[in-house]
C-alpha atoms as a PDB file:
ATOM      1  CA  MET A   1     102.435 120.843 115.771  1.00  0.00           C
ATOM      2  CA  LYS A   2     103.071 118.219 118.421  1.00  0.00           C
ATOM      3  CA  ASN A   3     101.952 115.278 116.377  1.00  0.00           C
ATOM      4  CA  ARG A   4     103.607 116.076 113.065  1.00  0.00           C
ATOM      5  CA  TRP A   5     105.841 113.006 113.336  1.00  0.00           C
ATOM      6  CA  LEU A   6     102.757 110.856 113.798  1.00  0.00           C
ATOM      7  CA  ILE A   7     101.358 112.463 110.647  1.00  0.00           C
ATOM      8  CA  ALA A   8     104.649 111.677 108.876  1.00  0.00           C
ATOM      9  CA  LEU A   9     104.499 108.023 109.969  1.00  0.00           C
ATOM     10  CA  SER A  10     100.885 107.832 108.827  1.00  0.00           C
ATOM     11  CA  ALA A  11     101.817 109.263 105.432  1.00  0.00           C
ATOM     12  CA  ILE A  12     104.606 106.713 105.059  1.00  0.00           C
ATOM     13  CA  GLY A  13     102.164 103.957 106.035  1.00  0.00           C
ATOM     14  CA  ILE A  14      99.619 105.074 103.458  1.00  0.00           C
ATOM     15  CA  HIS A  15     102.269 105.149 100.763  1.00  0.00           C
ATOM     16  CA  ILE A  16     103.516 101.702 101.756  1.00  0.00           C
ATOM     17  CA  CYS A  17      99.962 100.399 101.297  1.00  0.00           C
ATOM     18  CA  ILE A  18      99.287 101.974  97.918  1.00  0.00           C
ATOM     19  CA  GLY A  19     102.852 101.458  96.742  1.00  0.00           C
ATOM     20  CA  SER A  20     102.074  97.757  96.572  1.00  0.00           C
ATOM     21  CA  VAL A  21     101.217  98.502  92.943  1.00  0.00           C
ATOM     22  CA  TYR A  22     104.978  98.266  92.263  1.00  0.00           C
ATOM     23  CA  ALA A  23     104.881  94.586  93.219  1.00  0.00           C
ATOM     24  CA  TRP A  24     102.610  93.848  90.241  1.00  0.00           C
ATOM     25  CA  SER A  25     105.365  91.829  88.572  1.00  0.00           C
ATOM     26  CA  VAL A  26     104.987  89.208  91.318  1.00  0.00           C
ATOM     27  CA  LEU A  27     101.417  88.651  90.134  1.00  0.00           C
ATOM     28  CA  THR A  28     102.152  88.558  86.402  1.00  0.00           C
ATOM     29  CA  LYS A  29     103.148  84.892  86.029  1.00  0.00           C
ATOM     30  CA  PRO A  30     100.398  83.470  88.283  1.00  0.00           C
ATOM     31  CA  ILE A  31      97.778  85.530  86.433  1.00  0.00           C
ATOM     32  CA  MET A  32      99.120  84.397  83.078  1.00  0.00           C
ATOM     33  CA  ALA A  33      99.130  80.751  84.195  1.00  0.00           C
ATOM     34  CA  GLN A  34      95.673  80.875  85.791  1.00  0.00           C
ATOM     35  CA  MET A  35      93.915  82.943  83.169  1.00  0.00           C
ATOM     36  CA  GLY A  36      95.774  82.107  79.996  1.00  0.00           C
ATOM     37  CA  PHE A  37      96.509  85.780  79.294  1.00  0.00           C
ATOM     38  CA  SER A  38      99.661  86.756  77.418  1.00  0.00           C
ATOM     39  CA  LEU A  39     102.466  88.749  79.024  1.00  0.00           C
ATOM     40  CA  GLN A  40     101.465  91.801  77.013  1.00  0.00           C
ATOM     41  CA  GLU A  41      97.810  91.561  78.088  1.00  0.00           C
ATOM     42  CA  THR A  42      98.800  91.121  81.710  1.00  0.00           C
ATOM     43  CA  THR A  43     101.327  93.963  81.854  1.00  0.00           C
ATOM     44  CA  TRP A  44      98.835  96.393  80.298  1.00  0.00           C
ATOM     45  CA  THR A  45      97.003  96.222  83.616  1.00  0.00           C
ATOM     46  CA  PHE A  46      99.954  97.800  85.434  1.00  0.00           C
ATOM     47  CA  SER A  47     100.430 100.402  82.711  1.00  0.00           C
ATOM     48  CA  ILE A  48      96.789 101.473  82.926  1.00  0.00           C
ATOM     49  CA  ALA A  49      97.032 101.727  86.729  1.00  0.00           C
ATOM     50  CA  ILE A  50     100.103 103.960  86.538  1.00  0.00           C
ATOM     51  CA  LEU A  51      98.478 106.080  83.819  1.00  0.00           C
ATOM     52  CA  PHE A  52      95.409 106.670  85.983  1.00  0.00           C
ATOM     53  CA  LEU A  53      97.606 107.305  89.026  1.00  0.00           C
ATOM     54  CA  GLY A  54      99.204 110.194  87.161  1.00  0.00           C
ATOM     55  CA  LEU A  55      95.991 111.482  85.626  1.00  0.00           C
ATOM     56  CA  SER A  56      94.047 111.442  88.877  1.00  0.00           C
ATOM     57  CA  ALA A  57      96.925 112.979  90.826  1.00  0.00           C
ATOM     58  CA  GLY A  58      97.137 115.771  88.290  1.00  0.00           C
ATOM     59  CA  PHE A  59      93.453 116.455  87.784  1.00  0.00           C
ATOM     60  CA  LEU A  60      92.254 115.829  91.356  1.00  0.00           C
ATOM     61  CA  GLY A  61      94.890 117.887  93.169  1.00  0.00           C
ATOM     62  CA  THR A  62      92.416 120.711  93.648  1.00  0.00           C
ATOM     63  CA  PHE A  63      89.879 118.223  95.054  1.00  0.00           C
ATOM     64  CA  VAL A  64      92.452 117.122  97.655  1.00  0.00           C
ATOM     65  CA  GLU A  65      93.271 120.716  98.578  1.00  0.00           C
ATOM     66  CA  LYS A  66      89.602 121.701  98.757  1.00  0.00           C
ATOM     67  CA  LYS A  67      88.280 118.696 100.688  1.00  0.00           C
ATOM     68  CA  GLY A  68      91.256 118.106 102.979  1.00  0.00           C
ATOM     69  CA  PRO A  69      93.066 114.920 103.928  1.00  0.00           C
ATOM     70  CA  ARG A  70      90.162 113.106 105.621  1.00  0.00           C
ATOM     71  CA  ILE A  71      87.714 113.227 102.745  1.00  0.00           C
ATOM     72  CA  SER A  72      90.327 112.791 100.045  1.00  0.00           C
ATOM     73  CA  GLY A  73      91.920 109.912 102.004  1.00  0.00           C
ATOM     74  CA  LEU A  74      88.544 108.231 102.369  1.00  0.00           C
ATOM     75  CA  THR A  75      87.880 108.764  98.665  1.00  0.00           C
ATOM     76  CA  ALA A  76      91.251 107.222  97.818  1.00  0.00           C
ATOM     77  CA  THR A  77      90.557 104.267 100.106  1.00  0.00           C
ATOM     78  CA  THR A  78      87.153 103.730  98.523  1.00  0.00           C
ATOM     79  CA  PHE A  79      88.510 103.741  94.973  1.00  0.00           C
ATOM     80  CA  PHE A  80      91.519 101.587  95.844  1.00  0.00           C
ATOM     81  CA  GLY A  81      89.408  99.110  97.838  1.00  0.00           C
ATOM     82  CA  ILE A  82      86.752  98.787  95.131  1.00  0.00           C
ATOM     83  CA  GLY A  83      89.549  98.371  92.610  1.00  0.00           C
ATOM     84  CA  MET A  84      91.115  95.511  94.602  1.00  0.00           C
ATOM     85  CA  PHE A  85      87.812  93.700  95.195  1.00  0.00           C
ATOM     86  CA  GLY A  86      86.922  94.230  91.537  1.00  0.00           C
ATOM     87  CA  THR A  87      90.294  92.782  90.580  1.00  0.00           C
ATOM     88  CA  ALA A  88      89.493  89.669  92.575  1.00  0.00           C
ATOM     89  CA  LEU A  89      86.159  89.418  90.755  1.00  0.00           C
ATOM     90  CA  ALA A  90      87.851  89.935  87.383  1.00  0.00           C
ATOM     91  CA  LEU A  91      90.293  87.128  88.111  1.00  0.00           C
ATOM     92  CA  TYR A  92      87.501  84.870  89.336  1.00  0.00           C
ATOM     93  CA  LEU A  93      85.503  85.545  86.158  1.00  0.00           C
ATOM     94  CA  GLN A  94      88.675  85.461  84.024  1.00  0.00           C
ATOM     95  CA  ASN A  95      87.662  88.748  82.436  1.00  0.00           C
ATOM     96  CA  LEU A  96      90.532  90.830  81.089  1.00  0.00           C
ATOM     97  CA  ALA A  97      88.443  93.954  80.425  1.00  0.00           C
ATOM     98  CA  LEU A  98      87.152  93.912  83.999  1.00  0.00           C
ATOM     99  CA  LEU A  99      90.746  93.528  85.223  1.00  0.00           C
ATOM    100  CA  TYR A 100      91.763  96.618  83.265  1.00  0.00           C
ATOM    101  CA  ILE A 101      88.817  98.606  84.593  1.00  0.00           C
ATOM    102  CA  CYS A 102      89.103  97.515  88.230  1.00  0.00           C
ATOM    103  CA  TYR A 103      92.846  97.365  88.813  1.00  0.00           C
ATOM    104  CA  GLY A 104      93.836  99.844  86.123  1.00  0.00           C
ATOM    105  CA  VAL A 105      91.206 102.557  86.120  1.00  0.00           C
ATOM    106  CA  ILE A 106      89.441 102.371  89.497  1.00  0.00           C
ATOM    107  CA  GLY A 107      92.486 101.235  91.485  1.00  0.00           C
ATOM    108  CA  GLY A 108      94.658 103.712  89.605  1.00  0.00           C
ATOM    109  CA  ILE A 109      92.379 106.606  90.554  1.00  0.00           C
ATOM    110  CA  GLY A 110      92.598 105.505  94.183  1.00  0.00           C
ATOM    111  CA  LEU A 111      96.373 105.382  93.862  1.00  0.00           C
ATOM    112  CA  GLY A 112      96.549 108.907  92.470  1.00  0.00           C
ATOM    113  CA  ILE A 113      94.359 110.457  95.137  1.00  0.00           C
ATOM    114  CA  GLY A 114      96.088 108.374  97.798  1.00  0.00           C
ATOM    115  CA  TYR A 115      99.473 109.478  96.524  1.00  0.00           C
ATOM    116  CA  ILE A 116      98.906 113.214  96.712  1.00  0.00           C
ATOM    117  CA  THR A 117      96.840 113.319  99.913  1.00  0.00           C
ATOM    118  CA  PRO A 118      99.699 112.480 102.328  1.00  0.00           C
ATOM    119  CA  VAL A 119     102.218 114.559 100.368  1.00  0.00           C
ATOM    120  CA  SER A 120     100.103 117.714 100.420  1.00  0.00           C
ATOM    121  CA  THR A 121      99.318 117.166 104.097  1.00  0.00           C
ATOM    122  CA  LEU A 122     102.956 116.662 105.085  1.00  0.00           C
ATOM    123  CA  VAL A 123     104.033 119.818 103.305  1.00  0.00           C
ATOM    124  CA  LYS A 124     101.678 121.757 105.586  1.00  0.00           C
ATOM    125  CA  TYR A 125     103.051 120.087 108.725  1.00  0.00           C
ATOM    126  CA  PHE A 126     106.683 120.646 107.702  1.00  0.00           C
ATOM    127  CA  PRO A 127     106.631 124.119 106.103  1.00  0.00           C
ATOM    128  CA  LYS A 128     110.368 124.697 106.580  1.00  0.00           C
ATOM    129  CA  LYS A 129     111.325 121.204 105.368  1.00  0.00           C
ATOM    130  CA  ARG A 130     108.988 120.665 102.436  1.00  0.00           C
ATOM    131  CA  GLY A 131     111.454 118.584 100.423  1.00  0.00           C
ATOM    132  CA  PHE A 132     112.202 116.378 103.413  1.00  0.00           C
ATOM    133  CA  ALA A 133     108.497 115.855 104.092  1.00  0.00           C
ATOM    134  CA  THR A 134     107.762 114.988 100.471  1.00  0.00           C
ATOM    135  CA  GLY A 135     110.718 112.613 100.399  1.00  0.00           C
ATOM    136  CA  LEU A 136     109.450 110.794 103.492  1.00  0.00           C
ATOM    137  CA  ALA A 137     106.110 110.028 101.893  1.00  0.00           C
ATOM    138  CA  ILE A 138     107.589 109.036  98.546  1.00  0.00           C
ATOM    139  CA  MET A 139     110.095 106.804 100.343  1.00  0.00           C
ATOM    140  CA  GLY A 140     107.130 104.776 101.617  1.00  0.00           C
ATOM    141  CA  PHE A 141     105.780 104.392  98.084  1.00  0.00           C
ATOM    142  CA  GLY A 142     109.064 103.023  96.783  1.00  0.00           C
ATOM    143  CA  PHE A 143     109.690 100.895  99.874  1.00  0.00           C
ATOM    144  CA  ALA A 144     106.340  99.160  99.410  1.00  0.00           C
ATOM    145  CA  SER A 145     107.515  96.685  96.781  1.00  0.00           C
ATOM    146  CA  LEU A 146     110.121  95.402  99.215  1.00  0.00           C
ATOM    147  CA  ILE A 147     107.350  94.589 101.675  1.00  0.00           C
ATOM    148  CA  ALA A 148     104.435  93.767  99.363  1.00  0.00           C
ATOM    149  CA  GLY A 149     106.346  91.516  96.951  1.00  0.00           C
ATOM    150  CA  PRO A 150     107.153  88.760  99.450  1.00  0.00           C
ATOM    151  CA  ILE A 151     103.719  89.009 101.058  1.00  0.00           C
ATOM    152  CA  MET A 152     102.036  88.644  97.660  1.00  0.00           C
ATOM    153  CA  GLN A 153     104.180  85.614  96.864  1.00  0.00           C
ATOM    154  CA  ILE A 154     103.098  83.949 100.109  1.00  0.00           C
ATOM    155  CA  LEU A 155      99.434  84.753  99.516  1.00  0.00           C
END
């Protein structure tokens, strides 16, 4: 297990990327101003994404264990990427339902699969320090808003 620290850094990196969902509040006011959506309509997007994060993490855990980190990571990337590009389309078209579907449902599924893939992988690489390994990955998820928030404001 020479490269287990590289695996740990990769897991943190993945969680930093998908944890950008926690910076949604930075996008709320610009979306409301640009699209004319209410605060309630806009914040539902985040709620749907977190709902589907939990649902997909719970129901697709066996998929992640069966397929391994490469296929499940690629699946997560595909869902998350399609969700982000679809979100851009939804904002361009000013379509609230499409925003819910793309960011909330599709992006949320990518988040859920992307959340459990690094965690389950790290637990295998750190069998004697399972809690530590899990904490490392989850730290990246929480740390993401610190990084993503300012970047989103600039963009």
